[in-house]
Amino acid sequence: MDALGACGRKASELGQGQAADFCSLAKPPLTQRRGRHHFASLQLAAAPSALLVNPRIGERIDEFESREVHRILVGHYKMRYELTETTIYVLRLWHTREDR
């Protein structure tokens, strides 16, 4: 069932004005949801550039003794990256809801 279907079913139990209020509270407007996702994607896109300015900003991960591997939190995502003398490698990127 799509969001409008769920909203319509509940709204039928309410008066006409109350139904519109309920629907707006039950699910944020599409433009608002897109805005959040757009902001998150901008944060993710900017993270590697920020690392060029300050590559050791992230916490160093000790389990990689022979390599310089760090991790940072970017919005709701964790990014693991490796530093070499000339390059920054993004090793892994995952959402914080994932069990990793």
PDB file of N, CA and C in Angstrom:
ATOM      1  N   MET A   1       0.850  -1.166   0.000  1.00  0.00           N
ATOM      2  CA  MET A   1       0.000   0.000   0.000  1.00  0.00           C
ATOM      3  C   MET A   1       0.894   1.227   0.000  1.00  0.00           C
ATOM      4  N   ASP A   2       0.609   2.197  -0.878  1.00  0.00           N
ATOM      5  CA  ASP A   2       1.441   3.385  -0.925  1.00  0.00           C
ATOM      6  C   ASP A   2       1.068   4.340   0.201  1.00  0.00           C
ATOM      7  N   ALA A   3       1.856   5.384   0.368  1.00  0.00           N
ATOM      8  CA  ALA A   3       1.641   6.311   1.477  1.00  0.00           C
ATOM      9  C   ALA A   3       0.288   7.000   1.376  1.00  0.00           C
ATOM     10  N   LEU A   4      -0.139   7.341   0.169  1.00  0.00           N
ATOM     11  CA  LEU A   4      -1.429   8.009   0.019  1.00  0.00           C
ATOM     12  C   LEU A   4      -2.568   7.088   0.410  1.00  0.00           C
ATOM     13  N   GLY A   5      -2.439   5.799   0.089  1.00  0.00           N
ATOM     14  CA  GLY A   5      -3.479   4.845   0.463  1.00  0.00           C
ATOM     15  C   GLY A   5      -3.629   4.744   1.968  1.00  0.00           C
ATOM     16  N   ALA A   6      -2.515   4.667   2.673  1.00  0.00           N
ATOM     17  CA  ALA A   6      -2.575   4.584   4.136  1.00  0.00           C
ATOM     18  C   ALA A   6      -3.150   5.861   4.709  1.00  0.00           C
ATOM     19  N   CYS A   7      -2.741   6.984   4.156  1.00  0.00           N
ATOM     20  CA  CYS A   7      -3.225   8.263   4.648  1.00  0.00           C
ATOM     21  C   CYS A   7      -4.710   8.416   4.350  1.00  0.00           C
ATOM     22  N   GLY A   8      -5.145   8.001   3.186  1.00  0.00           N
ATOM     23  CA  GLY A   8      -6.545   8.107   2.806  1.00  0.00           C
ATOM     24  C   GLY A   8      -7.442   7.262   3.691  1.00  0.00           C
ATOM     25  N   ARG A   9      -7.005   6.090   4.062  1.00  0.00           N
ATOM     26  CA  ARG A   9      -7.828   5.209   4.892  1.00  0.00           C
ATOM     27  C   ARG A   9      -8.047   5.827   6.271  1.00  0.00           C
ATOM     28  N   LYS A  10      -6.986   6.333   6.893  1.00  0.00           N
ATOM     29  CA  LYS A  10      -7.110   6.963   8.201  1.00  0.00           C
ATOM     30  C   LYS A  10      -7.906   8.261   8.090  1.00  0.00           C
ATOM     31  N   ALA A  11      -7.665   9.001   7.021  1.00  0.00           N
ATOM     32  CA  ALA A  11      -8.320  10.288   6.850  1.00  0.00           C
ATOM     33  C   ALA A  11      -9.827  10.126   6.727  1.00  0.00           C
ATOM     34  N   SER A  12     -10.303   8.997   6.234  1.00  0.00           N
ATOM     35  CA  SER A  12     -11.740   8.799   6.072  1.00  0.00           C
ATOM     36  C   SER A  12     -12.462   8.790   7.413  1.00  0.00           C
ATOM     37  N   GLU A  13     -11.746   8.528   8.476  1.00  0.00           N
ATOM     38  CA  GLU A  13     -12.346   8.519   9.795  1.00  0.00           C
ATOM     39  C   GLU A  13     -12.452   9.927  10.374  1.00  0.00           C
ATOM     40  N   LEU A  14     -11.819  10.897   9.735  1.00  0.00           N
ATOM     41  CA  LEU A  14     -11.782  12.269  10.237  1.00  0.00           C
ATOM     42  C   LEU A  14     -12.616  13.180   9.355  1.00  0.00           C
ATOM     43  N   GLY A  15     -12.863  14.402   9.818  1.00  0.00           N
ATOM     44  CA  GLY A  15     -13.517  15.406   8.994  1.00  0.00           C
ATOM     45  C   GLY A  15     -12.585  15.853   7.883  1.00  0.00           C
ATOM     46  N   GLN A  16     -13.126  16.566   6.901  1.00  0.00           N
ATOM     47  CA  GLN A  16     -12.347  16.945   5.725  1.00  0.00           C
ATOM     48  C   GLN A  16     -11.124  17.791   6.080  1.00  0.00           C
ATOM     49  N   GLY A  17     -11.279  18.800   6.935  1.00  0.00           N
ATOM     50  CA  GLY A  17     -10.143  19.644   7.324  1.00  0.00           C
ATOM     51  C   GLY A  17      -9.134  18.874   8.163  1.00  0.00           C
ATOM     52  N   GLN A  18      -9.632  18.016   9.035  1.00  0.00           N
ATOM     53  CA  GLN A  18      -8.741  17.220   9.879  1.00  0.00           C
ATOM     54  C   GLN A  18      -7.948  16.224   9.048  1.00  0.00           C
ATOM     55  N   ALA A  19      -8.555  15.722   7.966  1.00  0.00           N
ATOM     56  CA  ALA A  19      -7.873  14.742   7.120  1.00  0.00           C
ATOM     57  C   ALA A  19      -6.620  15.344   6.505  1.00  0.00           C
ATOM     58  N   ALA A  20      -6.711  16.564   6.013  1.00  0.00           N
ATOM     59  CA  ALA A  20      -5.548  17.220   5.408  1.00  0.00           C
ATOM     60  C   ALA A  20      -4.454  17.426   6.447  1.00  0.00           C
ATOM     61  N   ASP A  21      -4.851  17.841   7.663  1.00  0.00           N
ATOM     62  CA  ASP A  21      -3.868  18.024   8.729  1.00  0.00           C
ATOM     63  C   ASP A  21      -3.183  16.710   9.073  1.00  0.00           C
ATOM     64  N   PHE A  22      -3.964  15.625   9.155  1.00  0.00           N
ATOM     65  CA  PHE A  22      -3.411  14.321   9.485  1.00  0.00           C
ATOM     66  C   PHE A  22      -2.407  13.879   8.427  1.00  0.00           C
ATOM     67  N   CYS A  23      -2.785  14.033   7.164  1.00  0.00           N
ATOM     68  CA  CYS A  23      -1.895  13.597   6.075  1.00  0.00           C
ATOM     69  C   CYS A  23      -0.589  14.377   6.095  1.00  0.00           C
ATOM     70  N   SER A  24      -0.642  15.660   6.384  1.00  0.00           N
ATOM     71  CA  SER A  24       0.598  16.436   6.399  1.00  0.00           C
ATOM     72  C   SER A  24       1.487  16.045   7.580  1.00  0.00           C
ATOM     73  N   LEU A  25       0.898  15.608   8.694  1.00  0.00           N
ATOM     74  CA  LEU A  25       1.696  15.170   9.836  1.00  0.00           C
ATOM     75  C   LEU A  25       2.202  13.744   9.673  1.00  0.00           C
ATOM     76  N   ALA A  26       1.414  12.896   9.016  1.00  0.00           N
ATOM     77  CA  ALA A  26       1.772  11.488   8.889  1.00  0.00           C
ATOM     78  C   ALA A  26       3.002  11.285   8.020  1.00  0.00           C
ATOM     79  N   LYS A  27       3.168  12.100   7.007  1.00  0.00           N
ATOM     80  CA  LYS A  27       4.291  11.929   6.092  1.00  0.00           C
ATOM     81  C   LYS A  27       4.766  13.317   5.672  1.00  0.00           C
ATOM     82  N   PRO A  28       6.049  13.642   5.864  1.00  0.00           N
ATOM     83  CA  PRO A  28       6.540  14.963   5.466  1.00  0.00           C
ATOM     84  C   PRO A  28       6.359  15.163   3.961  1.00  0.00           C
ATOM     85  N   PRO A  29       6.228  16.404   3.526  1.00  0.00           N
ATOM     86  CA  PRO A  29       6.102  16.659   2.090  1.00  0.00           C
ATOM     87  C   PRO A  29       7.285  16.088   1.322  1.00  0.00           C
ATOM     88  N   LEU A  30       7.031  15.710   0.081  1.00  0.00           N
ATOM     89  CA  LEU A  30       8.062  15.099  -0.752  1.00  0.00           C
ATOM     90  C   LEU A  30       9.278  16.007  -0.889  1.00  0.00           C
ATOM     91  N   THR A  31       9.049  17.302  -1.019  1.00  0.00           N
ATOM     92  CA  THR A  31      10.189  18.208  -1.157  1.00  0.00           C
ATOM     93  C   THR A  31      11.051  18.205   0.097  1.00  0.00           C
ATOM     94  N   GLN A  32      10.443  18.069   1.268  1.00  0.00           N
ATOM     95  CA  GLN A  32      11.209  18.023   2.513  1.00  0.00           C
ATOM     96  C   GLN A  32      12.046  16.747   2.578  1.00  0.00           C
ATOM     97  N   ARG A  33      11.465  15.610   2.172  1.00  0.00           N
ATOM     98  CA  ARG A  33      12.217  14.348   2.197  1.00  0.00           C
ATOM     99  C   ARG A  33      13.359  14.398   1.204  1.00  0.00           C
ATOM    100  N   ARG A  34      13.115  14.942   0.027  1.00  0.00           N
ATOM    101  CA  ARG A  34      14.196  15.048  -0.962  1.00  0.00           C
ATOM    102  C   ARG A  34      15.303  15.953  -0.470  1.00  0.00           C
ATOM    103  N   GLY A  35      14.939  17.010   0.248  1.00  0.00           N
ATOM    104  CA  GLY A  35      15.941  17.933   0.767  1.00  0.00           C
ATOM    105  C   GLY A  35      16.901  17.256   1.728  1.00  0.00           C
ATOM    106  N   ARG A  36      16.378  16.405   2.616  1.00  0.00           N
ATOM    107  CA  ARG A  36      17.243  15.674   3.557  1.00  0.00           C
ATOM    108  C   ARG A  36      18.205  14.770   2.817  1.00  0.00           C
ATOM    109  N   HIS A  37      17.695  14.032   1.827  1.00  0.00           N
ATOM    110  CA  HIS A  37      18.558  13.116   1.084  1.00  0.00           C
ATOM    111  C   HIS A  37      19.570  13.879   0.248  1.00  0.00           C
ATOM    112  N   HIS A  38      19.157  15.015  -0.281  1.00  0.00           N
ATOM    113  CA  HIS A  38      20.075  15.830  -1.078  1.00  0.00           C
ATOM    114  C   HIS A  38      21.207  16.348  -0.195  1.00  0.00           C
ATOM    115  N   PHE A  39      20.873  16.800   1.024  1.00  0.00           N
ATOM    116  CA  PHE A  39      21.893  17.289   1.944  1.00  0.00           C
ATOM    117  C   PHE A  39      22.878  16.178   2.299  1.00  0.00           C
ATOM    118  N   ALA A  40      22.369  14.967   2.560  1.00  0.00           N
ATOM    119  CA  ALA A  40      23.242  13.837   2.893  1.00  0.00           C
ATOM    120  C   ALA A  40      24.170  13.512   1.735  1.00  0.00           C
ATOM    121  N   SER A  41      23.653  13.568   0.511  1.00  0.00           N
ATOM    122  CA  SER A  41      24.507  13.258  -0.635  1.00  0.00           C
ATOM    123  C   SER A  41      25.572  14.330  -0.821  1.00  0.00           C
ATOM    124  N   LEU A  42      25.248  15.584  -0.494  1.00  0.00           N
ATOM    125  CA  LEU A  42      26.258  16.644  -0.575  1.00  0.00           C
ATOM    126  C   LEU A  42      27.362  16.418   0.451  1.00  0.00           C
ATOM    127  N   GLN A  43      26.981  15.987   1.658  1.00  0.00           N
ATOM    128  CA  GLN A  43      27.984  15.700   2.691  1.00  0.00           C
ATOM    129  C   GLN A  43      28.911  14.577   2.231  1.00  0.00           C
ATOM    130  N   LEU A  44      28.334  13.525   1.669  1.00  0.00           N
ATOM    131  CA  LEU A  44      29.145  12.402   1.207  1.00  0.00           C
ATOM    132  C   LEU A  44      30.071  12.815   0.072  1.00  0.00           C
ATOM    133  N   ALA A  45      29.569  13.631  -0.834  1.00  0.00           N
ATOM    134  CA  ALA A  45      30.385  14.073  -1.966  1.00  0.00           C
ATOM    135  C   ALA A  45      31.529  14.981  -1.506  1.00  0.00           C
ATOM    136  N   ALA A  46      31.307  15.761  -0.449  1.00  0.00           N
ATOM    137  CA  ALA A  46      32.324  16.704   0.021  1.00  0.00           C
ATOM    138  C   ALA A  46      33.376  16.053   0.910  1.00  0.00           C
ATOM    139  N   ALA A  47      33.086  14.905   1.483  1.00  0.00           N
ATOM    140  CA  ALA A  47      33.995  14.285   2.452  1.00  0.00           C
ATOM    141  C   ALA A  47      35.393  14.017   1.889  1.00  0.00           C
ATOM    142  N   PRO A  48      35.536  13.414   0.703  1.00  0.00           N
ATOM    143  CA  PRO A  48      36.902  13.176   0.199  1.00  0.00           C
ATOM    144  C   PRO A  48      37.695  14.468  -0.010  1.00  0.00           C
ATOM    145  N   SER A  49      37.029  15.540  -0.445  1.00  0.00           N
ATOM    146  CA  SER A  49      37.724  16.822  -0.607  1.00  0.00           C
ATOM    147  C   SER A  49      38.181  17.371   0.739  1.00  0.00           C
ATOM    148  N   ALA A  50      37.367  17.204   1.760  1.00  0.00           N
ATOM    149  CA  ALA A  50      37.742  17.656   3.106  1.00  0.00           C
ATOM    150  C   ALA A  50      38.955  16.880   3.607  1.00  0.00           C
ATOM    151  N   LEU A  51      39.035  15.616   3.230  1.00  0.00           N
ATOM    152  CA  LEU A  51      40.191  14.809   3.647  1.00  0.00           C
ATOM    153  C   LEU A  51      41.487  15.299   2.990  1.00  0.00           C
ATOM    154  N   LEU A  52      41.391  15.884   1.815  1.00  0.00           N
ATOM    155  CA  LEU A  52      42.595  16.426   1.169  1.00  0.00           C
ATOM    156  C   LEU A  52      43.188  17.565   1.994  1.00  0.00           C
ATOM    157  N   VAL A  53      42.340  18.348   2.640  1.00  0.00           N
ATOM    158  CA  VAL A  53      42.792  19.463   3.468  1.00  0.00           C
ATOM    159  C   VAL A  53      43.359  18.970   4.800  1.00  0.00           C
ATOM    160  N   ASN A  54      42.680  17.998   5.413  1.00  0.00           N
ATOM    161  CA  ASN A  54      43.092  17.488   6.718  1.00  0.00           C
ATOM    162  C   ASN A  54      42.940  15.958   6.726  1.00  0.00           C
ATOM    163  N   PRO A  55      43.879  15.230   6.135  1.00  0.00           N
ATOM    164  CA  PRO A  55      43.713  13.785   5.949  1.00  0.00           C
ATOM    165  C   PRO A  55      43.690  12.967   7.246  1.00  0.00           C
ATOM    166  N   ARG A  56      44.226  13.472   8.307  1.00  0.00           N
ATOM    167  CA  ARG A  56      44.259  12.700   9.555  1.00  0.00           C
ATOM    168  C   ARG A  56      43.154  13.114  10.533  1.00  0.00           C
ATOM    169  N   ILE A  57      42.093  13.698  10.007  1.00  0.00           N
ATOM    170  CA  ILE A  57      40.984  14.143  10.852  1.00  0.00           C
ATOM    171  C   ILE A  57      40.245  12.959  11.473  1.00  0.00           C
ATOM    172  N   GLY A  58      40.203  11.845  10.782  1.00  0.00           N
ATOM    173  CA  GLY A  58      39.484  10.676  11.280  1.00  0.00           C
ATOM    174  C   GLY A  58      40.262   9.907  12.335  1.00  0.00           C
ATOM    175  N   GLU A  59      39.541   9.098  13.063  1.00  0.00           N
ATOM    176  CA  GLU A  59      40.143   8.250  14.099  1.00  0.00           C
ATOM    177  C   GLU A  59      40.956   7.134  13.443  1.00  0.00           C
ATOM    178  N   ARG A  60      42.156   6.938  13.915  1.00  0.00           N
ATOM    179  CA  ARG A  60      42.995   5.857  13.374  1.00  0.00           C
ATOM    180  C   ARG A  60      42.499   4.516  13.898  1.00  0.00           C
ATOM    181  N   ILE A  61      42.467   3.515  13.008  1.00  0.00           N
ATOM    182  CA  ILE A  61      42.013   2.176  13.370  1.00  0.00           C
ATOM    183  C   ILE A  61      43.250   1.321  13.647  1.00  0.00           C
ATOM    184  N   ASP A  62      43.391   0.856  14.866  1.00  0.00           N
ATOM    185  CA  ASP A  62      44.592   0.138  15.302  1.00  0.00           C
ATOM    186  C   ASP A  62      44.732  -1.259  14.707  1.00  0.00           C
ATOM    187  N   GLU A  63      43.641  -1.866  14.286  1.00  0.00           N
ATOM    188  CA  GLU A  63      43.716  -3.243  13.777  1.00  0.00           C
ATOM    189  C   GLU A  63      44.496  -3.339  12.465  1.00  0.00           C
ATOM    190  N   PHE A  64      44.777  -2.205  11.822  1.00  0.00           N
ATOM    191  CA  PHE A  64      45.577  -2.189  10.595  1.00  0.00           C
ATOM    192  C   PHE A  64      46.941  -1.591  10.922  1.00  0.00           C
ATOM    193  N   GLU A  65      47.750  -2.332  11.641  1.00  0.00           N
ATOM    194  CA  GLU A  65      49.019  -1.804  12.146  1.00  0.00           C
ATOM    195  C   GLU A  65      49.985  -1.362  11.055  1.00  0.00           C
ATOM    196  N   SER A  66      50.081  -2.127   9.985  1.00  0.00           N
ATOM    197  CA  SER A  66      51.068  -1.816   8.946  1.00  0.00           C
ATOM    198  C   SER A  66      50.582  -0.742   7.969  1.00  0.00           C
ATOM    199  N   ARG A  67      49.294  -0.360   8.063  1.00  0.00           N
ATOM    200  CA  ARG A  67      48.726   0.642   7.155  1.00  0.00           C
ATOM    201  C   ARG A  67      48.114   1.774   7.981  1.00  0.00           C
ATOM    202  N   GLU A  68      48.038   2.940   7.397  1.00  0.00           N
ATOM    203  CA  GLU A  68      47.427   4.076   8.088  1.00  0.00           C
ATOM    204  C   GLU A  68      45.964   4.184   7.645  1.00  0.00           C
ATOM    205  N   VAL A  69      45.099   3.500   8.373  1.00  0.00           N
ATOM    206  CA  VAL A  69      43.676   3.454   8.057  1.00  0.00           C
ATOM    207  C   VAL A  69      42.916   4.240   9.131  1.00  0.00           C
ATOM    208  N   HIS A  70      42.014   5.103   8.674  1.00  0.00           N
ATOM    209  CA  HIS A  70      41.219   5.955   9.556  1.00  0.00           C
ATOM    210  C   HIS A  70      39.743   5.770   9.247  1.00  0.00           C
ATOM    211  N   ARG A  71      38.888   6.273  10.170  1.00  0.00           N
ATOM    212  CA  ARG A  71      37.447   6.277   9.913  1.00  0.00           C
ATOM    213  C   ARG A  71      36.863   7.598  10.386  1.00  0.00           C
ATOM    214  N   ILE A  72      35.844   8.055   9.647  1.00  0.00           N
ATOM    215  CA  ILE A  72      35.121   9.266  10.018  1.00  0.00           C
ATOM    216  C   ILE A  72      33.629   9.014   9.847  1.00  0.00           C
ATOM    217  N   LEU A  73      32.845   9.825  10.513  1.00  0.00           N
ATOM    218  CA  LEU A  73      31.395   9.783  10.385  1.00  0.00           C
ATOM    219  C   LEU A  73      30.984  10.946   9.494  1.00  0.00           C
ATOM    220  N   VAL A  74      30.246  10.636   8.428  1.00  0.00           N
ATOM    221  CA  VAL A  74      29.765  11.646   7.484  1.00  0.00           C
ATOM    222  C   VAL A  74      28.247  11.533   7.440  1.00  0.00           C
ATOM    223  N   GLY A  75      27.571  12.419   8.154  1.00  0.00           N
ATOM    224  CA  GLY A  75      26.116  12.307   8.243  1.00  0.00           C
ATOM    225  C   GLY A  75      25.751  10.996   8.932  1.00  0.00           C
ATOM    226  N   HIS A  76      24.958  10.171   8.252  1.00  0.00           N
ATOM    227  CA  HIS A  76      24.570   8.864   8.792  1.00  0.00           C
ATOM    228  C   HIS A  76      25.423   7.745   8.206  1.00  0.00           C
ATOM    229  N   TYR A  77      26.577   8.081   7.668  1.00  0.00           N
ATOM    230  CA  TYR A  77      27.455   7.094   7.040  1.00  0.00           C
ATOM    231  C   TYR A  77      28.809   7.078   7.719  1.00  0.00           C
ATOM    232  N   LYS A  78      29.423   5.905   7.731  1.00  0.00           N
ATOM    233  CA  LYS A  78      30.800   5.765   8.206  1.00  0.00           C
ATOM    234  C   LYS A  78      31.678   5.551   6.983  1.00  0.00           C
ATOM    235  N   MET A  79      32.797   6.233   6.968  1.00  0.00           N
ATOM    236  CA  MET A  79      33.750   6.092   5.866  1.00  0.00           C
ATOM    237  C   MET A  79      35.081   5.632   6.430  1.00  0.00           C
ATOM    238  N   ARG A  80      35.622   4.591   5.841  1.00  0.00           N
ATOM    239  CA  ARG A  80      36.935   4.083   6.213  1.00  0.00           C
ATOM    240  C   ARG A  80      37.874   4.389   5.046  1.00  0.00           C
ATOM    241  N   TYR A  81      39.027   4.977   5.355  1.00  0.00           N
ATOM    242  CA  TYR A  81      39.961   5.363   4.296  1.00  0.00           C
ATOM    243  C   TYR A  81      41.397   5.087   4.721  1.00  0.00           C
ATOM    244  N   GLU A  82      42.248   4.934   3.711  1.00  0.00           N
ATOM    245  CA  GLU A  82      43.673   4.662   3.948  1.00  0.00           C
ATOM    246  C   GLU A  82      44.510   5.795   3.375  1.00  0.00           C
ATOM    247  N   LEU A  83      45.523   6.184   4.123  1.00  0.00           N
ATOM    248  CA  LEU A  83      46.462   7.211   3.678  1.00  0.00           C
ATOM    249  C   LEU A  83      47.773   6.568   3.257  1.00  0.00           C
ATOM    250  N   THR A  84      48.264   6.967   2.108  1.00  0.00           N
ATOM    251  CA  THR A  84      49.627   6.620   1.695  1.00  0.00           C
ATOM    252  C   THR A  84      50.369   7.947   1.522  1.00  0.00           C
ATOM    253  N   GLU A  85      51.588   7.904   1.054  1.00  0.00           N
ATOM    254  CA  GLU A  85      52.358   9.141   0.903  1.00  0.00           C
ATOM    255  C   GLU A  85      51.721  10.104  -0.094  1.00  0.00           C
ATOM    256  N   THR A  86      51.067   9.569  -1.118  1.00  0.00           N
ATOM    257  CA  THR A  86      50.549  10.432  -2.178  1.00  0.00           C
ATOM    258  C   THR A  86      49.046  10.303  -2.440  1.00  0.00           C
ATOM    259  N   THR A  87      48.382   9.326  -1.801  1.00  0.00           N
ATOM    260  CA  THR A  87      47.000   9.036  -2.169  1.00  0.00           C
ATOM    261  C   THR A  87      46.142   8.768  -0.935  1.00  0.00           C
ATOM    262  N   ILE A  88      44.866   9.129  -1.041  1.00  0.00           N
ATOM    263  CA  ILE A  88      43.864   8.766  -0.039  1.00  0.00           C
ATOM    264  C   ILE A  88      42.907   7.788  -0.723  1.00  0.00           C
ATOM    265  N   TYR A  89      42.824   6.582  -0.180  1.00  0.00           N
ATOM    266  CA  TYR A  89      41.933   5.553  -0.733  1.00  0.00           C
ATOM    267  C   TYR A  89      40.701   5.425   0.163  1.00  0.00           C
ATOM    268  N   VAL A  90      39.521   5.589  -0.425  1.00  0.00           N
ATOM    269  CA  VAL A  90      38.294   5.309   0.314  1.00  0.00           C
ATOM    270  C   VAL A  90      38.092   3.805   0.243  1.00  0.00           C
ATOM    271  N   LEU A  91      38.161   3.141   1.393  1.00  0.00           N
ATOM    272  CA  LEU A  91      38.104   1.687   1.439  1.00  0.00           C
ATOM    273  C   LEU A  91      36.680   1.160   1.561  1.00  0.00           C
ATOM    274  N   ARG A  92      35.877   1.833   2.367  1.00  0.00           N
ATOM    275  CA  ARG A  92      34.531   1.335   2.622  1.00  0.00           C
ATOM    276  C   ARG A  92      33.654   2.494   3.062  1.00  0.00           C
ATOM    277  N   LEU A  93      32.399   2.428   2.647  1.00  0.00           N
ATOM    278  CA  LEU A  93      31.404   3.413   3.034  1.00  0.00           C
ATOM    279  C   LEU A  93      30.120   2.659   3.329  1.00  0.00           C
ATOM    280  N   TRP A  94      29.536   2.868   4.521  1.00  0.00           N
ATOM    281  CA  TRP A  94      28.300   2.170   4.839  1.00  0.00           C
ATOM    282  C   TRP A  94      27.438   3.031   5.740  1.00  0.00           C
ATOM    283  N   HIS A  95      26.131   2.738   5.712  1.00  0.00           N
ATOM    284  CA  HIS A  95      25.170   3.451   6.544  1.00  0.00           C
ATOM    285  C   HIS A  95      25.305   2.957   7.979  1.00  0.00           C
ATOM    286  N   THR A  96      25.124   3.838   8.929  1.00  0.00           N
ATOM    287  CA  THR A  96      25.307   3.468  10.333  1.00  0.00           C
ATOM    288  C   THR A  96      24.275   2.449  10.816  1.00  0.00           C
ATOM    289  N   ARG A  97      23.168   2.284  10.112  1.00  0.00           N
ATOM    290  CA  ARG A  97      22.177   1.274  10.492  1.00  0.00           C
ATOM    291  C   ARG A  97      22.638  -0.135  10.155  1.00  0.00           C
ATOM    292  N   GLU A  98      23.612  -0.245   9.263  1.00  0.00           N
ATOM    293  CA  GLU A  98      24.131  -1.569   8.912  1.00  0.00           C
ATOM    294  C   GLU A  98      24.983  -2.106  10.055  1.00  0.00           C
ATOM    295  N   ASP A  99      24.923  -3.400  10.281  1.00  0.00           N
ATOM    296  CA  ASP A  99      25.703  -4.041  11.334  1.00  0.00           C
ATOM    297  C   ASP A  99      27.040  -4.467  10.759  1.00  0.00           C
ATOM    298  N   ARG A 100      28.072  -3.644  10.919  1.00  0.00           N
ATOM    299  CA  ARG A 100      29.391  -3.961  10.377  1.00  0.00           C
ATOM    300  C   ARG A 100      30.451  -3.793  11.423  1.00  0.00           C
TER     301      ARG A 100
END
